[in-house]
Amino acid sequence: MRTQWVLAIALVTTSGCALRGPSAAPSASFEGAAQAFARTTQQPNAAAIAAYFADSVYVVSPQGRQPVLGRDANREAWARFFRGGNPAHTMTVEVMRASEHLAYSRGRWTAGVDTPQGRAEAVGTYLAVWERLPAGWRIVELSVFTTR
């Protein structure tokens, strides 16, 4: 299954255009979803963030943690983050590409939380793979990397 996603992303990125098909509707709706997801991560609302995930989403996060599988487990991971001291999270979208049924977004993120030792902050990049499902565009794979 993972090989299919890699091949699909390769096809989308090497095709020379952001969209295949008769109209720009998939691309426009995807871009709106990707931007909305990034904005939503700034609010302390784990359920709103998880609404952008497919049921079987696969998330690889920084610092060697185990992958988080499924929408419910990811909702709980965000809820734990928001229970931390003065949590802050931002996300930007720098690149978006879409075909009719698959897309990806890439950008930067920042996160911070107060700890007894002081403010803990991290920054990095992410790559989100999206699938166009009956309910709309949903993230099926998310890889998050730290750069500091």
N, C-alpha and C. Protein backbone atom coordinates (compact mmCIF):
# COMPACT_ATOMS: atom_id res chain seq x y z
N MET A 1 0.83 -1.20 0.00
CA MET A 1 0.00 0.00 0.00
C MET A 1 0.87 1.25 0.00
N ARG A 2 1.93 1.28 0.83
CA ARG A 2 2.80 2.45 0.89
C ARG A 2 3.46 2.70 -0.47
N THR A 3 3.81 1.63 -1.17
CA THR A 3 4.42 1.76 -2.49
C THR A 3 3.48 2.46 -3.45
N GLN A 4 2.19 2.16 -3.35
CA GLN A 4 1.21 2.82 -4.21
C GLN A 4 1.21 4.32 -3.98
N TRP A 5 1.30 4.75 -2.72
CA TRP A 5 1.30 6.18 -2.42
C TRP A 5 2.55 6.84 -2.98
N VAL A 6 3.69 6.19 -2.83
CA VAL A 6 4.94 6.76 -3.34
C VAL A 6 4.85 6.91 -4.85
N LEU A 7 4.37 5.88 -5.53
CA LEU A 7 4.22 5.96 -6.98
C LEU A 7 3.23 7.03 -7.38
N ALA A 8 2.13 7.13 -6.67
CA ALA A 8 1.12 8.14 -6.99
C ALA A 8 1.68 9.54 -6.82
N ILE A 9 2.43 9.77 -5.75
CA ILE A 9 3.02 11.09 -5.53
C ILE A 9 4.04 11.38 -6.62
N ALA A 10 4.82 10.38 -7.00
CA ALA A 10 5.80 10.58 -8.07
C ALA A 10 5.09 10.97 -9.37
N LEU A 11 3.99 10.33 -9.66
CA LEU A 11 3.24 10.68 -10.87
C LEU A 11 2.70 12.10 -10.82
N VAL A 12 2.17 12.49 -9.66
CA VAL A 12 1.63 13.84 -9.51
C VAL A 12 2.73 14.88 -9.67
N THR A 13 3.88 14.63 -9.05
CA THR A 13 4.93 15.65 -9.04
C THR A 13 5.71 15.71 -10.33
N THR A 14 5.77 14.62 -11.09
CA THR A 14 6.55 14.64 -12.32
C THR A 14 5.71 14.88 -13.55
N SER A 15 4.42 15.03 -13.37
CA SER A 15 3.56 15.19 -14.54
C SER A 15 3.69 16.56 -15.18
N GLY A 16 4.29 17.52 -14.48
CA GLY A 16 4.45 18.85 -15.06
C GLY A 16 3.24 19.74 -14.86
N CYS A 17 2.18 19.22 -14.27
CA CYS A 17 1.02 20.06 -13.98
C CYS A 17 0.43 19.64 -12.65
N ALA A 18 -0.27 20.54 -12.03
CA ALA A 18 -0.81 20.27 -10.70
C ALA A 18 -2.11 19.49 -10.74
N LEU A 19 -2.71 19.35 -11.91
CA LEU A 19 -4.02 18.73 -11.95
C LEU A 19 -4.23 18.01 -13.26
N ARG A 20 -4.82 16.85 -13.20
CA ARG A 20 -5.24 16.14 -14.39
C ARG A 20 -6.75 16.02 -14.33
N GLY A 21 -7.39 16.11 -15.45
CA GLY A 21 -8.84 15.97 -15.47
C GLY A 21 -9.49 17.17 -16.11
N PRO A 22 -10.82 17.14 -16.21
CA PRO A 22 -11.52 18.15 -16.97
C PRO A 22 -11.67 19.50 -16.29
N SER A 23 -11.53 19.58 -14.96
CA SER A 23 -11.76 20.87 -14.32
C SER A 23 -10.76 21.09 -13.20
N ALA A 24 -10.68 22.30 -12.69
CA ALA A 24 -9.77 22.64 -11.60
C ALA A 24 -10.41 22.41 -10.25
N ALA A 25 -11.61 21.90 -10.20
CA ALA A 25 -12.31 21.73 -8.93
C ALA A 25 -11.53 20.89 -7.92
N PRO A 26 -10.94 19.74 -8.28
CA PRO A 26 -10.18 18.99 -7.28
C PRO A 26 -9.02 19.80 -6.72
N SER A 27 -8.30 20.52 -7.56
CA SER A 27 -7.17 21.30 -7.09
C SER A 27 -7.62 22.43 -6.17
N ALA A 28 -8.66 23.14 -6.56
CA ALA A 28 -9.15 24.26 -5.75
C ALA A 28 -9.66 23.77 -4.41
N SER A 29 -10.43 22.69 -4.40
CA SER A 29 -10.96 22.19 -3.13
C SER A 29 -9.83 21.64 -2.26
N PHE A 30 -8.83 21.03 -2.87
CA PHE A 30 -7.68 20.54 -2.09
C PHE A 30 -6.91 21.69 -1.47
N GLU A 31 -6.64 22.71 -2.26
CA GLU A 31 -5.88 23.84 -1.72
C GLU A 31 -6.61 24.48 -0.55
N GLY A 32 -7.92 24.59 -0.64
CA GLY A 32 -8.70 25.11 0.47
C GLY A 32 -8.59 24.23 1.70
N ALA A 33 -8.65 22.92 1.50
CA ALA A 33 -8.55 21.98 2.63
C ALA A 33 -7.17 22.05 3.27
N ALA A 34 -6.11 22.09 2.46
CA ALA A 34 -4.75 22.14 3.00
C ALA A 34 -4.52 23.41 3.81
N GLN A 35 -4.98 24.54 3.30
CA GLN A 35 -4.83 25.80 4.03
C GLN A 35 -5.67 25.81 5.31
N ALA A 36 -6.88 25.29 5.23
CA ALA A 36 -7.75 25.23 6.42
C ALA A 36 -7.15 24.33 7.49
N PHE A 37 -6.58 23.19 7.09
CA PHE A 37 -5.94 22.31 8.06
C PHE A 37 -4.81 23.04 8.78
N ALA A 38 -3.97 23.73 8.03
CA ALA A 38 -2.86 24.46 8.63
C ALA A 38 -3.36 25.49 9.64
N ARG A 39 -4.40 26.22 9.29
CA ARG A 39 -4.97 27.21 10.23
C ARG A 39 -5.56 26.52 11.46
N THR A 40 -6.21 25.40 11.26
CA THR A 40 -6.87 24.69 12.37
C THR A 40 -5.87 24.22 13.41
N THR A 41 -4.64 23.87 13.00
CA THR A 41 -3.65 23.39 13.97
C THR A 41 -3.22 24.47 14.96
N GLN A 42 -3.58 25.72 14.70
CA GLN A 42 -3.23 26.80 15.62
C GLN A 42 -4.23 26.92 16.77
N GLN A 43 -5.37 26.26 16.65
CA GLN A 43 -6.40 26.34 17.68
C GLN A 43 -6.34 25.10 18.57
N PRO A 44 -6.56 25.24 19.87
CA PRO A 44 -6.49 24.08 20.77
C PRO A 44 -7.75 23.21 20.69
N ASN A 45 -7.98 22.64 19.51
CA ASN A 45 -9.18 21.84 19.27
C ASN A 45 -8.78 20.57 18.54
N ALA A 46 -8.47 19.52 19.31
CA ALA A 46 -8.00 18.26 18.74
C ALA A 46 -9.03 17.63 17.81
N ALA A 47 -10.31 17.74 18.13
CA ALA A 47 -11.35 17.15 17.29
C ALA A 47 -11.41 17.84 15.92
N ALA A 48 -11.24 19.16 15.91
CA ALA A 48 -11.27 19.90 14.64
C ALA A 48 -10.08 19.51 13.77
N ILE A 49 -8.92 19.31 14.38
CA ILE A 49 -7.74 18.89 13.63
C ILE A 49 -7.94 17.48 13.09
N ALA A 50 -8.40 16.58 13.94
CA ALA A 50 -8.59 15.17 13.54
C ALA A 50 -9.62 15.03 12.43
N ALA A 51 -10.51 15.98 12.28
CA ALA A 51 -11.51 15.92 11.21
C ALA A 51 -10.87 15.93 9.83
N TYR A 52 -9.64 16.39 9.72
CA TYR A 52 -8.94 16.39 8.44
C TYR A 52 -8.23 15.06 8.15
N PHE A 53 -8.25 14.14 9.10
CA PHE A 53 -7.57 12.86 8.93
C PHE A 53 -8.53 11.79 8.43
N ALA A 54 -8.04 10.91 7.55
CA ALA A 54 -8.79 9.72 7.17
C ALA A 54 -8.84 8.79 8.38
N ASP A 55 -9.79 7.88 8.39
CA ASP A 55 -9.92 6.94 9.51
C ASP A 55 -8.62 6.19 9.78
N SER A 56 -7.91 5.81 8.73
CA SER A 56 -6.70 4.99 8.88
C SER A 56 -5.41 5.80 8.70
N VAL A 57 -5.43 7.08 9.01
CA VAL A 57 -4.26 7.94 8.83
C VAL A 57 -3.04 7.34 9.54
N TYR A 58 -1.88 7.56 8.93
CA TYR A 58 -0.60 7.06 9.43
C TYR A 58 0.30 8.27 9.63
N VAL A 59 0.65 8.58 10.89
CA VAL A 59 1.43 9.78 11.19
C VAL A 59 2.76 9.38 11.83
N VAL A 60 3.83 9.88 11.22
CA VAL A 60 5.17 9.70 11.77
C VAL A 60 5.60 11.06 12.29
N SER A 61 5.89 11.11 13.59
CA SER A 61 6.23 12.39 14.20
C SER A 61 7.70 12.42 14.62
N PRO A 62 8.18 13.58 15.05
CA PRO A 62 9.60 13.74 15.33
C PRO A 62 10.09 12.96 16.55
N GLN A 63 11.40 12.99 16.69
CA GLN A 63 12.10 12.47 17.86
C GLN A 63 11.95 10.97 18.05
N GLY A 64 11.84 10.23 16.96
CA GLY A 64 11.85 8.77 17.03
C GLY A 64 10.66 8.12 17.68
N ARG A 65 9.58 8.84 17.81
CA ARG A 65 8.38 8.25 18.40
C ARG A 65 7.79 7.21 17.46
N GLN A 66 6.99 6.33 18.01
CA GLN A 66 6.30 5.34 17.20
C GLN A 66 5.25 6.03 16.34
N PRO A 67 4.97 5.51 15.15
CA PRO A 67 3.90 6.08 14.33
C PRO A 67 2.57 6.05 15.08
N VAL A 68 1.74 7.03 14.81
CA VAL A 68 0.41 7.09 15.42
C VAL A 68 -0.58 6.71 14.32
N LEU A 69 -1.33 5.65 14.56
CA LEU A 69 -2.20 5.07 13.55
C LEU A 69 -3.67 5.36 13.85
N GLY A 70 -4.36 5.90 12.90
CA GLY A 70 -5.80 6.11 13.02
C GLY A 70 -6.18 7.49 13.51
N ARG A 71 -7.38 7.91 13.10
CA ARG A 71 -7.89 9.23 13.47
C ARG A 71 -8.04 9.39 14.97
N ASP A 72 -8.61 8.38 15.66
CA ASP A 72 -8.84 8.51 17.10
C ASP A 72 -7.53 8.66 17.87
N ALA A 73 -6.53 7.86 17.54
CA ALA A 73 -5.24 7.95 18.24
C ALA A 73 -4.58 9.30 17.98
N ASN A 74 -4.72 9.82 16.77
CA ASN A 74 -4.15 11.13 16.47
C ASN A 74 -4.90 12.26 17.16
N ARG A 75 -6.21 12.12 17.28
CA ARG A 75 -6.99 13.12 18.03
C ARG A 75 -6.50 13.15 19.47
N GLU A 76 -6.27 11.99 20.07
CA GLU A 76 -5.78 11.94 21.45
C GLU A 76 -4.37 12.52 21.57
N ALA A 77 -3.53 12.28 20.58
CA ALA A 77 -2.17 12.86 20.61
C ALA A 77 -2.23 14.39 20.60
N TRP A 78 -3.10 14.95 19.75
CA TRP A 78 -3.26 16.41 19.74
C TRP A 78 -3.84 16.89 21.07
N ALA A 79 -4.80 16.16 21.63
CA ALA A 79 -5.40 16.56 22.91
C ALA A 79 -4.33 16.59 24.02
N ARG A 80 -3.42 15.60 24.03
CA ARG A 80 -2.33 15.61 25.02
C ARG A 80 -1.44 16.84 24.83
N PHE A 81 -1.13 17.16 23.59
CA PHE A 81 -0.31 18.36 23.33
C PHE A 81 -1.00 19.60 23.88
N PHE A 82 -2.30 19.74 23.64
CA PHE A 82 -3.02 20.93 24.08
C PHE A 82 -3.21 20.98 25.59
N ARG A 83 -3.05 19.85 26.28
CA ARG A 83 -3.12 19.86 27.75
C ARG A 83 -1.81 20.33 28.37
N GLY A 84 -0.75 20.47 27.55
CA GLY A 84 0.54 20.93 28.05
C GLY A 84 0.47 22.40 28.45
N GLY A 85 1.54 22.88 29.04
CA GLY A 85 1.59 24.25 29.52
C GLY A 85 1.71 25.26 28.38
N ASN A 86 0.68 26.09 28.21
CA ASN A 86 0.69 27.18 27.24
C ASN A 86 1.11 26.70 25.85
N PRO A 87 0.43 25.70 25.29
CA PRO A 87 0.84 25.15 24.00
C PRO A 87 0.62 26.13 22.86
N ALA A 88 1.52 26.09 21.90
CA ALA A 88 1.39 26.90 20.69
C ALA A 88 1.84 26.05 19.50
N HIS A 89 1.10 26.15 18.41
CA HIS A 89 1.44 25.41 17.20
C HIS A 89 1.09 26.26 15.98
N THR A 90 1.98 26.30 15.01
CA THR A 90 1.69 26.97 13.75
C THR A 90 2.10 26.05 12.61
N MET A 91 1.48 26.28 11.47
CA MET A 91 1.80 25.51 10.28
C MET A 91 1.68 26.43 9.07
N THR A 92 2.59 26.28 8.12
CA THR A 92 2.47 26.99 6.85
C THR A 92 2.42 25.95 5.74
N VAL A 93 1.79 26.32 4.65
CA VAL A 93 1.76 25.47 3.46
C VAL A 93 2.60 26.16 2.41
N GLU A 94 3.65 25.49 1.96
CA GLU A 94 4.54 26.09 0.97
C GLU A 94 4.37 25.49 -0.41
N VAL A 95 4.00 24.23 -0.49
CA VAL A 95 3.84 23.54 -1.77
C VAL A 95 2.58 22.71 -1.71
N MET A 96 1.79 22.77 -2.79
CA MET A 96 0.58 21.93 -2.91
C MET A 96 0.52 21.41 -4.33
N ARG A 97 0.25 20.13 -4.47
CA ARG A 97 0.05 19.52 -5.78
C ARG A 97 -1.11 18.55 -5.67
N ALA A 98 -1.95 18.52 -6.70
CA ALA A 98 -3.13 17.64 -6.65
C ALA A 98 -3.39 17.02 -8.01
N SER A 99 -3.81 15.78 -7.97
CA SER A 99 -4.39 15.13 -9.14
C SER A 99 -5.87 14.96 -8.80
N GLU A 100 -6.56 14.14 -9.54
CA GLU A 100 -7.99 14.00 -9.28
C GLU A 100 -8.29 13.38 -7.92
N HIS A 101 -7.48 12.39 -7.49
CA HIS A 101 -7.79 11.67 -6.26
C HIS A 101 -6.70 11.71 -5.20
N LEU A 102 -5.49 12.10 -5.56
CA LEU A 102 -4.39 12.16 -4.61
C LEU A 102 -3.74 13.54 -4.67
N ALA A 103 -3.18 13.95 -3.53
CA ALA A 103 -2.51 15.24 -3.46
C ALA A 103 -1.48 15.21 -2.35
N TYR A 104 -0.64 16.23 -2.33
CA TYR A 104 0.25 16.39 -1.18
C TYR A 104 0.42 17.87 -0.88
N SER A 105 0.72 18.13 0.38
CA SER A 105 1.09 19.47 0.80
C SER A 105 2.37 19.35 1.62
N ARG A 106 3.19 20.39 1.52
CA ARG A 106 4.45 20.41 2.24
C ARG A 106 4.63 21.81 2.79
N GLY A 107 5.22 21.88 3.98
CA GLY A 107 5.44 23.18 4.58
C GLY A 107 6.25 23.09 5.85
N ARG A 108 6.09 24.12 6.66
CA ARG A 108 6.84 24.22 7.92
C ARG A 108 5.87 24.28 9.11
N TRP A 109 6.38 23.91 10.27
CA TRP A 109 5.58 23.96 11.50
C TRP A 109 6.47 24.43 12.64
N THR A 110 5.83 24.97 13.66
CA THR A 110 6.49 25.30 14.92
C THR A 110 5.59 24.81 16.05
N ALA A 111 6.21 24.45 17.15
CA ALA A 111 5.45 24.02 18.33
C ALA A 111 6.21 24.44 19.57
N GLY A 112 5.46 24.76 20.61
CA GLY A 112 6.08 25.13 21.87
C GLY A 112 5.16 24.83 23.03
N VAL A 113 5.77 24.51 24.16
CA VAL A 113 5.03 24.24 25.38
C VAL A 113 5.92 24.59 26.57
N ASP A 114 5.31 25.13 27.62
CA ASP A 114 6.07 25.45 28.83
C ASP A 114 6.29 24.18 29.64
N THR A 115 7.52 24.00 30.12
CA THR A 115 7.87 22.87 30.98
C THR A 115 8.50 23.42 32.26
N PRO A 116 8.69 22.58 33.28
CA PRO A 116 9.36 23.06 34.49
C PRO A 116 10.78 23.59 34.22
N GLN A 117 11.39 23.12 33.14
CA GLN A 117 12.74 23.57 32.79
C GLN A 117 12.72 24.81 31.89
N GLY A 118 11.55 25.30 31.52
CA GLY A 118 11.44 26.45 30.64
C GLY A 118 10.65 26.10 29.39
N ARG A 119 10.66 26.99 28.45
CA ARG A 119 9.91 26.81 27.21
C ARG A 119 10.61 25.80 26.32
N ALA A 120 9.90 24.76 25.91
CA ALA A 120 10.42 23.78 24.95
C ALA A 120 9.81 24.11 23.59
N GLU A 121 10.67 24.32 22.62
CA GLU A 121 10.19 24.68 21.28
C GLU A 121 10.85 23.79 20.24
N ALA A 122 10.13 23.57 19.17
CA ALA A 122 10.65 22.79 18.06
C ALA A 122 10.13 23.40 16.76
N VAL A 123 10.88 23.23 15.71
CA VAL A 123 10.48 23.67 14.38
C VAL A 123 10.82 22.55 13.41
N GLY A 124 10.16 22.56 12.27
CA GLY A 124 10.47 21.54 11.30
C GLY A 124 9.66 21.68 10.03
N THR A 125 9.67 20.60 9.27
CA THR A 125 8.93 20.52 8.02
C THR A 125 7.99 19.32 8.08
N TYR A 126 7.03 19.31 7.19
CA TYR A 126 6.10 18.18 7.13
C TYR A 126 5.75 17.90 5.67
N LEU A 127 5.28 16.70 5.44
CA LEU A 127 4.74 16.29 4.15
C LEU A 127 3.45 15.53 4.43
N ALA A 128 2.35 16.03 3.91
CA ALA A 128 1.04 15.40 4.09
C ALA A 128 0.56 14.85 2.76
N VAL A 129 0.16 13.60 2.76
CA VAL A 129 -0.44 12.97 1.59
C VAL A 129 -1.94 12.94 1.82
N TRP A 130 -2.67 13.43 0.86
CA TRP A 130 -4.12 13.55 0.96
C TRP A 130 -4.80 12.64 -0.07
N GLU A 131 -5.98 12.17 0.27
CA GLU A 131 -6.80 11.41 -0.67
C GLU A 131 -8.17 12.06 -0.75
N ARG A 132 -8.70 12.13 -1.95
CA ARG A 132 -10.05 12.67 -2.13
C ARG A 132 -11.05 11.55 -1.86
N LEU A 133 -11.73 11.64 -0.74
CA LEU A 133 -12.71 10.65 -0.29
C LEU A 133 -14.11 11.22 -0.46
N PRO A 134 -15.16 10.41 -0.31
CA PRO A 134 -16.52 10.94 -0.43
C PRO A 134 -16.79 12.13 0.50
N ALA A 135 -16.15 12.14 1.67
CA ALA A 135 -16.35 13.24 2.62
C ALA A 135 -15.48 14.45 2.31
N GLY A 136 -14.63 14.36 1.29
CA GLY A 136 -13.74 15.46 0.93
C GLY A 136 -12.29 15.03 1.04
N TRP A 137 -11.38 15.98 0.91
CA TRP A 137 -9.95 15.69 1.01
C TRP A 137 -9.58 15.38 2.45
N ARG A 138 -8.89 14.25 2.66
CA ARG A 138 -8.46 13.83 4.00
C ARG A 138 -6.99 13.41 3.94
N ILE A 139 -6.28 13.66 5.03
CA ILE A 139 -4.88 13.26 5.13
C ILE A 139 -4.83 11.77 5.42
N VAL A 140 -4.06 11.04 4.60
CA VAL A 140 -3.91 9.60 4.79
C VAL A 140 -2.52 9.26 5.33
N GLU A 141 -1.55 10.12 5.11
CA GLU A 141 -0.19 9.93 5.61
C GLU A 141 0.36 11.31 5.96
N LEU A 142 1.06 11.39 7.09
CA LEU A 142 1.67 12.65 7.50
C LEU A 142 3.03 12.34 8.11
N SER A 143 4.07 12.91 7.53
CA SER A 143 5.43 12.74 8.06
C SER A 143 5.88 14.12 8.55
N VAL A 144 6.31 14.17 9.80
CA VAL A 144 6.72 15.42 10.44
C VAL A 144 8.18 15.28 10.85
N PHE A 145 8.98 16.26 10.44
CA PHE A 145 10.41 16.21 10.71
C PHE A 145 10.81 17.45 11.50
N THR A 146 11.74 17.28 12.45
CA THR A 146 12.27 18.44 13.17
C THR A 146 13.52 18.92 12.47
N THR A 147 13.70 20.23 12.45
CA THR A 147 14.92 20.82 11.91
C THR A 147 15.69 21.56 12.98
N ARG A 148 15.08 21.70 14.15
CA ARG A 148 15.77 22.31 15.30
C ARG A 148 15.12 21.81 16.56
